[in-house]
Amino acid sequence: MLITIDVVSEKLLKYINREITVAELVDWSERMICKGELEESQAELLRDILGHIGLADVKEFGLTWDDCYEYLKKLGYQVSVEATKRAS
């Protein structure tokens, strides 16, 4: 699988939106580092971000909202938050 900026961004957004757990994100990241093919022009950036995500299940490292914000920013995204109230 070719790992691109869009692929990594999509996974981060799924995590932020609670569509996947941190454990699932970490597992995915570790598998992509080992078996994925990184987009050549962005390989260094992608390897760095995937490496940090791969450590997110270690208490000393974790994965904060600020981390996700910075990763998405480095990947070329402008991040904003929108909340909608659920109907009662």
PDB file of N, CA and C in Angstrom:
ATOM      1  N   MET A   1       0.844  -1.182   0.000  1.00  0.00           N
ATOM      2  CA  MET A   1       0.000   0.000   0.000  1.00  0.00           C
ATOM      3  C   MET A   1       0.886   1.242   0.000  1.00  0.00           C
ATOM      4  N   LEU A   2       0.566   2.185  -0.857  1.00  0.00           N
ATOM      5  CA  LEU A   2       1.304   3.441  -0.913  1.00  0.00           C
ATOM      6  C   LEU A   2       0.768   4.375   0.170  1.00  0.00           C
ATOM      7  N   ILE A   3       1.639   4.808   1.053  1.00  0.00           N
ATOM      8  CA  ILE A   3       1.276   5.711   2.139  1.00  0.00           C
ATOM      9  C   ILE A   3       1.557   7.132   1.685  1.00  0.00           C
ATOM     10  N   THR A   4       0.500   7.935   1.614  1.00  0.00           N
ATOM     11  CA  THR A   4       0.605   9.322   1.175  1.00  0.00           C
ATOM     12  C   THR A   4       0.176  10.254   2.309  1.00  0.00           C
ATOM     13  N   ILE A   5       0.344  11.528   2.078  1.00  0.00           N
ATOM     14  CA  ILE A   5      -0.126  12.538   3.027  1.00  0.00           C
ATOM     15  C   ILE A   5      -1.616  12.365   3.285  1.00  0.00           C
ATOM     16  N   ASP A   6      -2.375  12.117   2.223  1.00  0.00           N
ATOM     17  CA  ASP A   6      -3.827  11.970   2.368  1.00  0.00           C
ATOM     18  C   ASP A   6      -4.197  10.750   3.189  1.00  0.00           C
ATOM     19  N   VAL A   7      -3.479   9.652   3.027  1.00  0.00           N
ATOM     20  CA  VAL A   7      -3.760   8.427   3.780  1.00  0.00           C
ATOM     21  C   VAL A   7      -3.526   8.661   5.273  1.00  0.00           C
ATOM     22  N   VAL A   8      -2.413   9.272   5.615  1.00  0.00           N
ATOM     23  CA  VAL A   8      -2.100   9.536   7.026  1.00  0.00           C
ATOM     24  C   VAL A   8      -3.094  10.535   7.610  1.00  0.00           C
ATOM     25  N   SER A   9      -3.428  11.562   6.866  1.00  0.00           N
ATOM     26  CA  SER A   9      -4.392  12.558   7.336  1.00  0.00           C
ATOM     27  C   SER A   9      -5.750  11.933   7.584  1.00  0.00           C
ATOM     28  N   GLU A  10      -6.174  11.058   6.695  1.00  0.00           N
ATOM     29  CA  GLU A  10      -7.461  10.383   6.852  1.00  0.00           C
ATOM     30  C   GLU A  10      -7.493   9.567   8.140  1.00  0.00           C
ATOM     31  N   LYS A  11      -6.418   8.862   8.435  1.00  0.00           N
ATOM     32  CA  LYS A  11      -6.364   8.067   9.667  1.00  0.00           C
ATOM     33  C   LYS A  11      -6.394   8.960  10.904  1.00  0.00           C
ATOM     34  N   LEU A  12      -5.655  10.060  10.869  1.00  0.00           N
ATOM     35  CA  LEU A  12      -5.669  10.987  12.007  1.00  0.00           C
ATOM     36  C   LEU A  12      -7.066  11.547  12.226  1.00  0.00           C
ATOM     37  N   LEU A  13      -7.749  11.902  11.159  1.00  0.00           N
ATOM     38  CA  LEU A  13      -9.102  12.438  11.287  1.00  0.00           C
ATOM     39  C   LEU A  13     -10.077  11.385  11.812  1.00  0.00           C
ATOM     40  N   LYS A  14      -9.902  10.140  11.413  1.00  0.00           N
ATOM     41  CA  LYS A  14     -10.737   9.065  11.957  1.00  0.00           C
ATOM     42  C   LYS A  14     -10.512   8.921  13.457  1.00  0.00           C
ATOM     43  N   TYR A  15      -9.264   9.051  13.881  1.00  0.00           N
ATOM     44  CA  TYR A  15      -8.960   8.969  15.314  1.00  0.00           C
ATOM     45  C   TYR A  15      -9.578  10.152  16.059  1.00  0.00           C
ATOM     46  N   ILE A  16      -9.389  11.349  15.549  1.00  0.00           N
ATOM     47  CA  ILE A  16      -9.934  12.544  16.196  1.00  0.00           C
ATOM     48  C   ILE A  16     -11.458  12.450  16.315  1.00  0.00           C
ATOM     49  N   ASN A  17     -12.102  11.913  15.293  1.00  0.00           N
ATOM     50  CA  ASN A  17     -13.562  11.793  15.285  1.00  0.00           C
ATOM     51  C   ASN A  17     -14.061  10.513  15.942  1.00  0.00           C
ATOM     52  N   ARG A  18     -13.149   9.802  16.611  1.00  0.00           N
ATOM     53  CA  ARG A  18     -13.461   8.598  17.391  1.00  0.00           C
ATOM     54  C   ARG A  18     -14.073   7.477  16.557  1.00  0.00           C
ATOM     55  N   GLU A  19     -13.653   7.417  15.295  1.00  0.00           N
ATOM     56  CA  GLU A  19     -14.058   6.314  14.433  1.00  0.00           C
ATOM     57  C   GLU A  19     -13.120   5.123  14.606  1.00  0.00           C
ATOM     58  N   ILE A  20     -11.903   5.393  15.111  1.00  0.00           N
ATOM     59  CA  ILE A  20     -10.952   4.348  15.467  1.00  0.00           C
ATOM     60  C   ILE A  20     -10.327   4.704  16.811  1.00  0.00           C
ATOM     61  N   THR A  21      -9.831   3.699  17.505  1.00  0.00           N
ATOM     62  CA  THR A  21      -9.206   3.915  18.811  1.00  0.00           C
ATOM     63  C   THR A  21      -7.719   4.232  18.633  1.00  0.00           C
ATOM     64  N   VAL A  22      -7.108   4.687  19.704  1.00  0.00           N
ATOM     65  CA  VAL A  22      -5.669   4.929  19.659  1.00  0.00           C
ATOM     66  C   VAL A  22      -4.931   3.624  19.387  1.00  0.00           C
ATOM     67  N   ALA A  23      -5.422   2.530  19.941  1.00  0.00           N
ATOM     68  CA  ALA A  23      -4.779   1.229  19.704  1.00  0.00           C
ATOM     69  C   ALA A  23      -4.836   0.857  18.224  1.00  0.00           C
ATOM     70  N   GLU A  24      -5.957   1.110  17.583  1.00  0.00           N
ATOM     71  CA  GLU A  24      -6.086   0.818  16.147  1.00  0.00           C
ATOM     72  C   GLU A  24      -5.168   1.718  15.321  1.00  0.00           C
ATOM     73  N   LEU A  25      -5.072   2.993  15.722  1.00  0.00           N
ATOM     74  CA  LEU A  25      -4.196   3.929  15.023  1.00  0.00           C
ATOM     75  C   LEU A  25      -2.736   3.517  15.171  1.00  0.00           C
ATOM     76  N   VAL A  26      -2.344   3.142  16.380  1.00  0.00           N
ATOM     77  CA  VAL A  26      -0.966   2.703  16.644  1.00  0.00           C
ATOM     78  C   VAL A  26      -0.652   1.449  15.833  1.00  0.00           C
ATOM     79  N   ASP A  27      -1.558   0.487  15.863  1.00  0.00           N
ATOM     80  CA  ASP A  27      -1.358  -0.756  15.119  1.00  0.00           C
ATOM     81  C   ASP A  27      -1.196  -0.470  13.626  1.00  0.00           C
ATOM     82  N   TRP A  28      -2.059   0.356  13.094  1.00  0.00           N
ATOM     83  CA  TRP A  28      -1.978   0.725  11.679  1.00  0.00           C
ATOM     84  C   TRP A  28      -0.630   1.380  11.374  1.00  0.00           C
ATOM     85  N   SER A  29      -0.237   2.334  12.223  1.00  0.00           N
ATOM     86  CA  SER A  29       1.021   3.047  12.018  1.00  0.00           C
ATOM     87  C   SER A  29       2.211   2.100  12.018  1.00  0.00           C
ATOM     88  N   GLU A  30       2.242   1.191  12.972  1.00  0.00           N
ATOM     89  CA  GLU A  30       3.345   0.223  13.053  1.00  0.00           C
ATOM     90  C   GLU A  30       3.400  -0.665  11.813  1.00  0.00           C
ATOM     91  N   ARG A  31       2.225  -1.104  11.344  1.00  0.00           N
ATOM     92  CA  ARG A  31       2.188  -1.943  10.135  1.00  0.00           C
ATOM     93  C   ARG A  31       2.658  -1.164   8.908  1.00  0.00           C
ATOM     94  N   MET A  32       2.288   0.099   8.816  1.00  0.00           N
ATOM     95  CA  MET A  32       2.676   0.910   7.656  1.00  0.00           C
ATOM     96  C   MET A  32       4.177   1.199   7.655  1.00  0.00           C
ATOM     97  N   ILE A  33       4.748   1.389   8.834  1.00  0.00           N
ATOM     98  CA  ILE A  33       6.192   1.605   8.914  1.00  0.00           C
ATOM     99  C   ILE A  33       6.930   0.360   8.429  1.00  0.00           C
ATOM    100  N   CYS A  34       6.418  -0.812   8.810  1.00  0.00           N
ATOM    101  CA  CYS A  34       7.083  -2.068   8.448  1.00  0.00           C
ATOM    102  C   CYS A  34       6.806  -2.512   7.018  1.00  0.00           C
ATOM    103  N   LYS A  35       5.564  -2.370   6.560  1.00  0.00           N
ATOM    104  CA  LYS A  35       5.183  -2.973   5.290  1.00  0.00           C
ATOM    105  C   LYS A  35       4.723  -1.985   4.227  1.00  0.00           C
ATOM    106  N   GLY A  36       4.449  -0.758   4.613  1.00  0.00           N
ATOM    107  CA  GLY A  36       3.936   0.212   3.661  1.00  0.00           C
ATOM    108  C   GLY A  36       5.046   0.836   2.829  1.00  0.00           C
ATOM    109  N   GLU A  37       4.663   1.338   1.694  1.00  0.00           N
ATOM    110  CA  GLU A  37       5.596   2.062   0.830  1.00  0.00           C
ATOM    111  C   GLU A  37       5.255   3.539   0.958  1.00  0.00           C
ATOM    112  N   LEU A  38       6.200   4.331   1.451  1.00  0.00           N
ATOM    113  CA  LEU A  38       5.965   5.745   1.672  1.00  0.00           C
ATOM    114  C   LEU A  38       6.115   6.524   0.372  1.00  0.00           C
ATOM    115  N   GLU A  39       5.224   7.492   0.181  1.00  0.00           N
ATOM    116  CA  GLU A  39       5.320   8.383  -0.959  1.00  0.00           C
ATOM    117  C   GLU A  39       6.723   8.999  -0.948  1.00  0.00           C
ATOM    118  N   GLU A  40       7.474   8.767  -1.993  1.00  0.00           N
ATOM    119  CA  GLU A  40       8.893   9.099  -2.014  1.00  0.00           C
ATOM    120  C   GLU A  40       9.170  10.571  -1.706  1.00  0.00           C
ATOM    121  N   SER A  41       8.408  11.473  -2.288  1.00  0.00           N
ATOM    122  CA  SER A  41       8.685  12.902  -2.102  1.00  0.00           C
ATOM    123  C   SER A  41       8.400  13.384  -0.681  1.00  0.00           C
ATOM    124  N   GLN A  42       7.628  12.603   0.092  1.00  0.00           N
ATOM    125  CA  GLN A  42       7.274  12.984   1.460  1.00  0.00           C
ATOM    126  C   GLN A  42       7.714  11.945   2.488  1.00  0.00           C
ATOM    127  N   ALA A  43       8.611  11.055   2.098  1.00  0.00           N
ATOM    128  CA  ALA A  43       8.976   9.910   2.940  1.00  0.00           C
ATOM    129  C   ALA A  43       9.486  10.328   4.321  1.00  0.00           C
ATOM    130  N   GLU A  44      10.331  11.320   4.400  1.00  0.00           N
ATOM    131  CA  GLU A  44      10.896  11.727   5.692  1.00  0.00           C
ATOM    132  C   GLU A  44       9.807  12.228   6.636  1.00  0.00           C
ATOM    133  N   LEU A  45       8.940  13.089   6.138  1.00  0.00           N
ATOM    134  CA  LEU A  45       7.844  13.619   6.954  1.00  0.00           C
ATOM    135  C   LEU A  45       6.903  12.504   7.392  1.00  0.00           C
ATOM    136  N   LEU A  46       6.517  11.651   6.461  1.00  0.00           N
ATOM    137  CA  LEU A  46       5.603  10.552   6.775  1.00  0.00           C
ATOM    138  C   LEU A  46       6.217   9.582   7.776  1.00  0.00           C
ATOM    139  N   ARG A  47       7.481   9.255   7.615  1.00  0.00           N
ATOM    140  CA  ARG A  47       8.174   8.347   8.544  1.00  0.00           C
ATOM    141  C   ARG A  47       8.207   8.950   9.946  1.00  0.00           C
ATOM    142  N   ASP A  48       8.466  10.246  10.032  1.00  0.00           N
ATOM    143  CA  ASP A  48       8.520  10.933  11.321  1.00  0.00           C
ATOM    144  C   ASP A  48       7.159  10.886  12.020  1.00  0.00           C
ATOM    145  N   ILE A  49       6.113  11.220  11.295  1.00  0.00           N
ATOM    146  CA  ILE A  49       4.775  11.229  11.887  1.00  0.00           C
ATOM    147  C   ILE A  49       4.332   9.823  12.258  1.00  0.00           C
ATOM    148  N   LEU A  50       4.521   8.866  11.364  1.00  0.00           N
ATOM    149  CA  LEU A  50       4.143   7.480  11.670  1.00  0.00           C
ATOM    150  C   LEU A  50       4.919   6.943  12.870  1.00  0.00           C
ATOM    151  N   GLY A  51       6.191   7.321  12.973  1.00  0.00           N
ATOM    152  CA  GLY A  51       6.996   6.892  14.120  1.00  0.00           C
ATOM    153  C   GLY A  51       6.451   7.410  15.428  1.00  0.00           C
ATOM    154  N   HIS A  52       6.041   8.678  15.444  1.00  0.00           N
ATOM    155  CA  HIS A  52       5.461   9.242  16.661  1.00  0.00           C
ATOM    156  C   HIS A  52       4.119   8.597  16.987  1.00  0.00           C
ATOM    157  N   ILE A  53       3.295   8.394  15.977  1.00  0.00           N
ATOM    158  CA  ILE A  53       2.004   7.749  16.204  1.00  0.00           C
ATOM    159  C   ILE A  53       2.211   6.333  16.733  1.00  0.00           C
ATOM    160  N   GLY A  54       3.212   5.649  16.226  1.00  0.00           N
ATOM    161  CA  GLY A  54       3.494   4.283  16.657  1.00  0.00           C
ATOM    162  C   GLY A  54       3.859   4.174  18.126  1.00  0.00           C
ATOM    163  N   LEU A  55       4.243   5.282  18.736  1.00  0.00           N
ATOM    164  CA  LEU A  55       4.585   5.290  20.164  1.00  0.00           C
ATOM    165  C   LEU A  55       3.444   5.790  21.042  1.00  0.00           C
ATOM    166  N   ALA A  56       2.315   6.101  20.436  1.00  0.00           N
ATOM    167  CA  ALA A  56       1.207   6.716  21.171  1.00  0.00           C
ATOM    168  C   ALA A  56       0.617   5.821  22.255  1.00  0.00           C
ATOM    169  N   ASP A  57       0.860   4.527  22.190  1.00  0.00           N
ATOM    170  CA  ASP A  57       0.327   3.640  23.223  1.00  0.00           C
ATOM    171  C   ASP A  57       1.256   3.503  24.424  1.00  0.00           C
ATOM    172  N   VAL A  58       2.385   4.206  24.377  1.00  0.00           N
ATOM    173  CA  VAL A  58       3.312   4.238  25.505  1.00  0.00           C
ATOM    174  C   VAL A  58       2.945   5.453  26.353  1.00  0.00           C
ATOM    175  N   LYS A  59       2.674   5.232  27.628  1.00  0.00           N
ATOM    176  CA  LYS A  59       2.175   6.289  28.508  1.00  0.00           C
ATOM    177  C   LYS A  59       3.018   7.563  28.454  1.00  0.00           C
ATOM    178  N   GLU A  60       4.321   7.415  28.401  1.00  0.00           N
ATOM    179  CA  GLU A  60       5.204   8.583  28.400  1.00  0.00           C
ATOM    180  C   GLU A  60       5.078   9.428  27.134  1.00  0.00           C
ATOM    181  N   PHE A  61       4.586   8.842  26.059  1.00  0.00           N
ATOM    182  CA  PHE A  61       4.474   9.566  24.798  1.00  0.00           C
ATOM    183  C   PHE A  61       3.037  10.013  24.544  1.00  0.00           C
ATOM    184  N   GLY A  62       2.100   9.082  24.504  1.00  0.00           N
ATOM    185  CA  GLY A  62       0.702   9.416  24.285  1.00  0.00           C
ATOM    186  C   GLY A  62       0.459  10.098  22.940  1.00  0.00           C
ATOM    187  N   LEU A  63      -0.752  10.573  22.748  1.00  0.00           N
ATOM    188  CA  LEU A  63      -1.125  11.292  21.537  1.00  0.00           C
ATOM    189  C   LEU A  63      -2.164  12.328  21.929  1.00  0.00           C
ATOM    190  N   THR A  64      -1.784  13.578  21.915  1.00  0.00           N
ATOM    191  CA  THR A  64      -2.672  14.652  22.339  1.00  0.00           C
ATOM    192  C   THR A  64      -3.346  15.307  21.138  1.00  0.00           C
ATOM    193  N   TRP A  65      -4.349  16.117  21.445  1.00  0.00           N
ATOM    194  CA  TRP A  65      -4.995  16.909  20.400  1.00  0.00           C
ATOM    195  C   TRP A  65      -3.952  17.798  19.721  1.00  0.00           C
ATOM    196  N   ASP A  66      -3.059  18.403  20.505  1.00  0.00           N
ATOM    197  CA  ASP A  66      -2.017  19.255  19.938  1.00  0.00           C
ATOM    198  C   ASP A  66      -1.117  18.487  18.983  1.00  0.00           C
ATOM    199  N   ASP A  67      -0.797  17.245  19.318  1.00  0.00           N
ATOM    200  CA  ASP A  67       0.002  16.408  18.419  1.00  0.00           C
ATOM    201  C   ASP A  67      -0.716  16.233  17.084  1.00  0.00           C
ATOM    202  N   CYS A  68      -1.991  15.852  17.151  1.00  0.00           N
ATOM    203  CA  CYS A  68      -2.769  15.633  15.928  1.00  0.00           C
ATOM    204  C   CYS A  68      -2.867  16.918  15.117  1.00  0.00           C
ATOM    205  N   TYR A  69      -3.087  18.033  15.784  1.00  0.00           N
ATOM    206  CA  TYR A  69      -3.153  19.329  15.116  1.00  0.00           C
ATOM    207  C   TYR A  69      -1.853  19.613  14.373  1.00  0.00           C
ATOM    208  N   GLU A  70      -0.730  19.425  15.046  1.00  0.00           N
ATOM    209  CA  GLU A  70       0.572  19.692  14.434  1.00  0.00           C
ATOM    210  C   GLU A  70       0.859  18.749  13.267  1.00  0.00           C
ATOM    211  N   TYR A  71       0.506  17.477  13.412  1.00  0.00           N
ATOM    212  CA  TYR A  71       0.719  16.531  12.314  1.00  0.00           C
ATOM    213  C   TYR A  71      -0.095  16.931  11.095  1.00  0.00           C
ATOM    214  N   LEU A  72      -1.365  17.258  11.300  1.00  0.00           N
ATOM    215  CA  LEU A  72      -2.214  17.658  10.177  1.00  0.00           C
ATOM    216  C   LEU A  72      -1.698  18.950   9.536  1.00  0.00           C
ATOM    217  N   LYS A  73      -1.236  19.868  10.350  1.00  0.00           N
ATOM    218  CA  LYS A  73      -0.663  21.120   9.834  1.00  0.00           C
ATOM    219  C   LYS A  73       0.571  20.820   8.977  1.00  0.00           C
ATOM    220  N   LYS A  74       1.454  19.953   9.459  1.00  0.00           N
ATOM    221  CA  LYS A  74       2.651  19.574   8.696  1.00  0.00           C
ATOM    222  C   LYS A  74       2.289  18.872   7.390  1.00  0.00           C
ATOM    223  N   LEU A  75       1.130  18.197   7.393  1.00  0.00           N
ATOM    224  CA  LEU A  75       0.677  17.486   6.198  1.00  0.00           C
ATOM    225  C   LEU A  75      -0.063  18.406   5.225  1.00  0.00           C
ATOM    226  N   GLY A  76      -0.137  19.700   5.578  1.00  0.00           N
ATOM    227  CA  GLY A  76      -0.715  20.682   4.667  1.00  0.00           C
ATOM    228  C   GLY A  76      -2.168  21.018   4.899  1.00  0.00           C
ATOM    229  N   TYR A  77      -2.711  20.610   6.039  1.00  0.00           N
ATOM    230  CA  TYR A  77      -4.115  20.872   6.330  1.00  0.00           C
ATOM    231  C   TYR A  77      -4.263  22.055   7.278  1.00  0.00           C
ATOM    232  N   GLN A  78      -5.319  22.817   7.059  1.00  0.00           N
ATOM    233  CA  GLN A  78      -5.711  23.852   8.002  1.00  0.00           C
ATOM    234  C   GLN A  78      -6.766  23.217   8.890  1.00  0.00           C
ATOM    235  N   VAL A  79      -6.534  23.213  10.178  1.00  0.00           N
ATOM    236  CA  VAL A  79      -7.407  22.500  11.101  1.00  0.00           C
ATOM    237  C   VAL A  79      -8.332  23.479  11.803  1.00  0.00           C
ATOM    238  N   SER A  80      -9.615  23.132  11.818  1.00  0.00           N
ATOM    239  CA  SER A  80     -10.591  23.884  12.592  1.00  0.00           C
ATOM    240  C   SER A  80     -11.558  22.873  13.195  1.00  0.00           C
ATOM    241  N   VAL A  81     -12.183  23.268  14.284  1.00  0.00           N
ATOM    242  CA  VAL A  81     -13.091  22.366  14.979  1.00  0.00           C
ATOM    243  C   VAL A  81     -14.501  22.922  14.861  1.00  0.00           C
ATOM    244  N   GLU A  82     -15.427  22.028  14.581  1.00  0.00           N
ATOM    245  CA  GLU A  82     -16.834  22.398  14.515  1.00  0.00           C
ATOM    246  C   GLU A  82     -17.594  21.417  15.397  1.00  0.00           C
ATOM    247  N   ALA A  83     -18.443  21.938  16.239  1.00  0.00           N
ATOM    248  CA  ALA A  83     -19.253  21.078  17.091  1.00  0.00           C
ATOM    249  C   ALA A  83     -20.722  21.365  16.820  1.00  0.00           C
ATOM    250  N   THR A  84     -21.505  20.318  16.774  1.00  0.00           N
ATOM    251  CA  THR A  84     -22.949  20.484  16.612  1.00  0.00           C
ATOM    252  C   THR A  84     -23.632  19.824  17.783  1.00  0.00           C
ATOM    253  N   LYS A  85     -24.691  20.458  18.251  1.00  0.00           N
ATOM    254  CA  LYS A  85     -25.425  19.940  19.399  1.00  0.00           C
ATOM    255  C   LYS A  85     -26.341  18.820  18.930  1.00  0.00           C
ATOM    256  N   ARG A  86     -26.301  17.732  19.692  1.00  0.00           N
ATOM    257  CA  ARG A  86     -27.186  16.606  19.396  1.00  0.00           C
ATOM    258  C   ARG A  86     -28.609  16.960  19.759  1.00  0.00           C
ATOM    259  N   ALA A  87     -29.536  16.440  19.003  1.00  0.00           N
ATOM    260  CA  ALA A  87     -30.942  16.644  19.317  1.00  0.00           C
ATOM    261  C   ALA A  87     -31.297  15.865  20.576  1.00  0.00           C
ATOM    262  N   SER A  88     -32.114  16.458  21.415  1.00  0.00           N
ATOM    263  CA  SER A  88     -32.505  15.800  22.675  1.00  0.00           C
ATOM    264  C   SER A  88     -33.566  14.766  22.453  1.00  0.00           C
TER     265      SER A  88
END
